[in-house]
Amino acid sequence: METRSRRTACLHAGRTSFKFIAGSGASLDEESRKRPSLDSCAQPLPAGRRMLVAPYAFDQPDKTARLKRLGVAQVIARTKYSASRAAKQLGDMLGNAAYSARAQEIARMIAREDGVQSACDAIEDHPHTVAIGVRK
């Protein structure tokens, strides 16, 4: 881990617990070698954190595009990721209150949801169209 101090401290961590970062950081930089997994993309949302992500492959570009459309993330192409580019984009996000406000708004929406109940309702409402893990 490396910490650099300026006006705002920046922590760049390869693999670490989000709980460790969430209390101390204003944003999350999803380092390019640790692919943006569903877990690492989903954890900052209920915490109201904005993100900088670098998708690697498979479904990751889709996930990061969704985060960008939500207004809670900026994306750096894996092939263009560098410390200076990440620092610039983090600075841009930290200087733009809209990212933080949107992340807080999304966190409030998630807090109001009952995900388990919603999933159960969807399955009960459409029993013949939802067949997760069922083999005939």
Protein backbone atom coordinates (compact mmCIF):
# COMPACT_ATOMS: atom_id res chain seq x y z
CA MET A 1 0.00 0.00 0.00
CA GLU A 2 1.14 3.48 -0.76
CA THR A 3 -0.13 6.68 0.73
CA ARG A 4 0.65 10.07 -0.74
CA SER A 5 -0.20 13.23 1.04
CA ARG A 6 -1.22 16.45 -0.63
CA ARG A 7 -4.28 18.43 0.10
CA THR A 8 -6.25 15.17 0.17
CA ALA A 9 -4.66 11.83 1.07
CA CYS A 10 -4.83 9.09 -1.53
CA LEU A 11 -4.60 5.39 -0.72
CA HIS A 12 -3.86 2.96 -3.54
CA ALA A 13 -4.41 -0.62 -2.42
CA GLY A 14 -4.15 -3.76 -4.53
CA ARG A 15 -6.12 -6.30 -2.51
CA THR A 16 -7.67 -5.15 0.72
CA SER A 17 -10.96 -5.27 2.55
CA PHE A 18 -13.48 -2.68 1.40
CA LYS A 19 -14.50 -2.22 5.02
CA PHE A 20 -10.96 -0.95 5.67
CA ILE A 21 -11.25 1.61 2.87
CA ALA A 22 -14.89 2.66 3.22
CA GLY A 23 -14.52 4.55 6.46
CA SER A 24 -11.48 6.54 5.40
CA GLY A 25 -11.77 7.26 1.70
CA ALA A 26 -13.78 9.61 -0.45
CA SER A 27 -13.54 7.35 -3.49
CA LEU A 28 -12.37 3.91 -4.54
CA ASP A 29 -9.76 3.29 -7.22
CA GLU A 30 -10.28 -0.27 -8.49
CA GLU A 31 -6.70 -1.13 -9.45
CA SER A 32 -6.35 -2.61 -12.93
CA ARG A 33 -4.68 -5.88 -11.91
CA LYS A 34 -7.55 -6.65 -9.51
CA ARG A 35 -10.42 -6.95 -11.92
CA PRO A 36 -13.62 -5.05 -11.09
CA SER A 37 -15.66 -7.94 -9.74
CA LEU A 38 -19.35 -7.75 -8.95
CA ASP A 39 -18.44 -7.69 -5.26
CA SER A 40 -15.93 -4.86 -5.52
CA CYS A 41 -18.28 -2.83 -7.73
CA ALA A 42 -21.33 -3.47 -5.56
CA GLN A 43 -19.80 -2.77 -2.14
CA PRO A 44 -19.17 0.97 -2.67
CA LEU A 45 -22.75 1.57 -3.84
CA PRO A 46 -24.51 1.01 -0.48
CA ALA A 47 -21.64 2.87 1.21
CA GLY A 48 -22.27 5.91 -0.99
CA ARG A 49 -18.76 5.90 -2.49
CA ARG A 50 -17.80 7.03 -5.97
CA MET A 51 -15.40 4.80 -7.91
CA LEU A 52 -12.62 4.82 -10.47
CA VAL A 53 -12.57 1.44 -12.23
CA ALA A 54 -10.46 -0.23 -14.91
CA PRO A 55 -12.37 -3.11 -16.56
CA TYR A 56 -10.28 -6.06 -17.69
CA ALA A 57 -12.47 -8.48 -19.69
CA PHE A 58 -15.66 -10.54 -19.92
CA ASP A 59 -18.61 -8.75 -18.23
CA GLN A 60 -16.48 -6.09 -16.54
CA PRO A 61 -16.83 -3.44 -19.27
CA ASP A 62 -20.61 -3.81 -18.99
CA LYS A 63 -20.56 -3.45 -15.19
CA THR A 64 -18.32 -0.41 -15.29
CA ALA A 65 -20.39 1.20 -18.07
CA ARG A 66 -23.47 0.79 -15.86
CA LEU A 67 -21.66 2.44 -12.94
CA LYS A 68 -20.63 5.30 -15.21
CA ARG A 69 -24.23 5.72 -16.45
CA LEU A 70 -25.39 5.81 -12.82
CA GLY A 71 -23.05 8.77 -12.34
CA VAL A 72 -21.01 7.13 -9.56
CA ALA A 73 -17.87 6.13 -11.47
CA GLN A 74 -15.26 7.11 -13.98
CA VAL A 75 -13.65 4.42 -16.11
CA ILE A 76 -10.08 4.04 -17.34
CA ALA A 77 -9.42 1.50 -20.09
CA ARG A 78 -7.11 -1.24 -18.82
CA THR A 79 -4.60 -0.48 -21.56
CA LYS A 80 -4.52 3.21 -20.60
CA TYR A 81 -4.26 2.78 -16.82
CA SER A 82 -1.36 4.64 -15.22
CA ALA A 83 -0.81 6.25 -11.84
CA SER A 84 -0.85 9.74 -13.37
CA ARG A 85 -4.10 9.09 -15.29
CA ALA A 86 -5.72 7.57 -12.17
CA ALA A 87 -4.59 10.54 -10.07
CA LYS A 88 -6.02 12.99 -12.60
CA GLN A 89 -9.38 11.23 -12.81
CA LEU A 90 -9.58 10.84 -9.02
CA GLY A 91 -8.84 14.54 -8.69
CA ASP A 92 -11.58 15.32 -11.22
CA MET A 93 -14.07 13.20 -9.27
CA LEU A 94 -13.07 14.66 -5.91
CA GLY A 95 -13.52 18.15 -7.34
CA ASN A 96 -16.95 17.37 -8.77
CA ALA A 97 -19.64 17.22 -6.08
CA ALA A 98 -22.08 15.55 -8.51
CA TYR A 99 -20.31 12.17 -8.18
CA SER A 100 -20.55 12.22 -4.40
CA ALA A 101 -24.16 13.43 -4.41
CA ARG A 102 -25.18 10.72 -6.88
CA ALA A 103 -23.34 8.03 -4.89
CA GLN A 104 -25.18 9.14 -1.74
CA GLU A 105 -28.49 9.12 -3.62
CA ILE A 106 -27.87 5.56 -4.86
CA ALA A 107 -26.92 4.49 -1.31
CA ARG A 108 -30.24 5.82 0.00
CA MET A 109 -32.14 3.95 -2.75
CA ILE A 110 -30.34 0.71 -1.88
CA ALA A 111 -31.04 1.19 1.84
CA ARG A 112 -34.79 1.39 1.08
CA GLU A 113 -34.77 -1.82 -0.97
CA ASP A 114 -35.58 -5.28 0.30
CA GLY A 115 -33.62 -7.28 -2.27
CA VAL A 116 -34.52 -10.72 -0.95
CA GLN A 117 -38.24 -9.93 -0.87
CA SER A 118 -38.10 -8.40 -4.36
CA ALA A 119 -36.35 -11.49 -5.74
CA CYS A 120 -38.88 -13.81 -4.07
CA ASP A 121 -41.78 -11.75 -5.42
CA ALA A 122 -40.36 -11.89 -8.95
CA ILE A 123 -39.96 -15.66 -8.77
CA GLU A 124 -43.48 -16.15 -7.37
CA ASP A 125 -45.00 -13.77 -9.95
CA HIS A 126 -43.34 -15.61 -12.86
CA PRO A 127 -42.83 -19.24 -11.76
CA HIS A 128 -42.66 -20.61 -15.30
CA THR A 129 -40.17 -18.07 -16.65
CA VAL A 130 -37.61 -18.18 -13.83
CA ALA A 131 -35.67 -21.42 -13.76
CA ILE A 132 -32.41 -20.75 -11.97
CA GLY A 133 -30.35 -23.87 -11.50
CA VAL A 134 -33.20 -26.19 -12.51
CA ARG A 135 -32.40 -29.04 -14.89
CA LYS A 136 -34.99 -31.15 -16.59
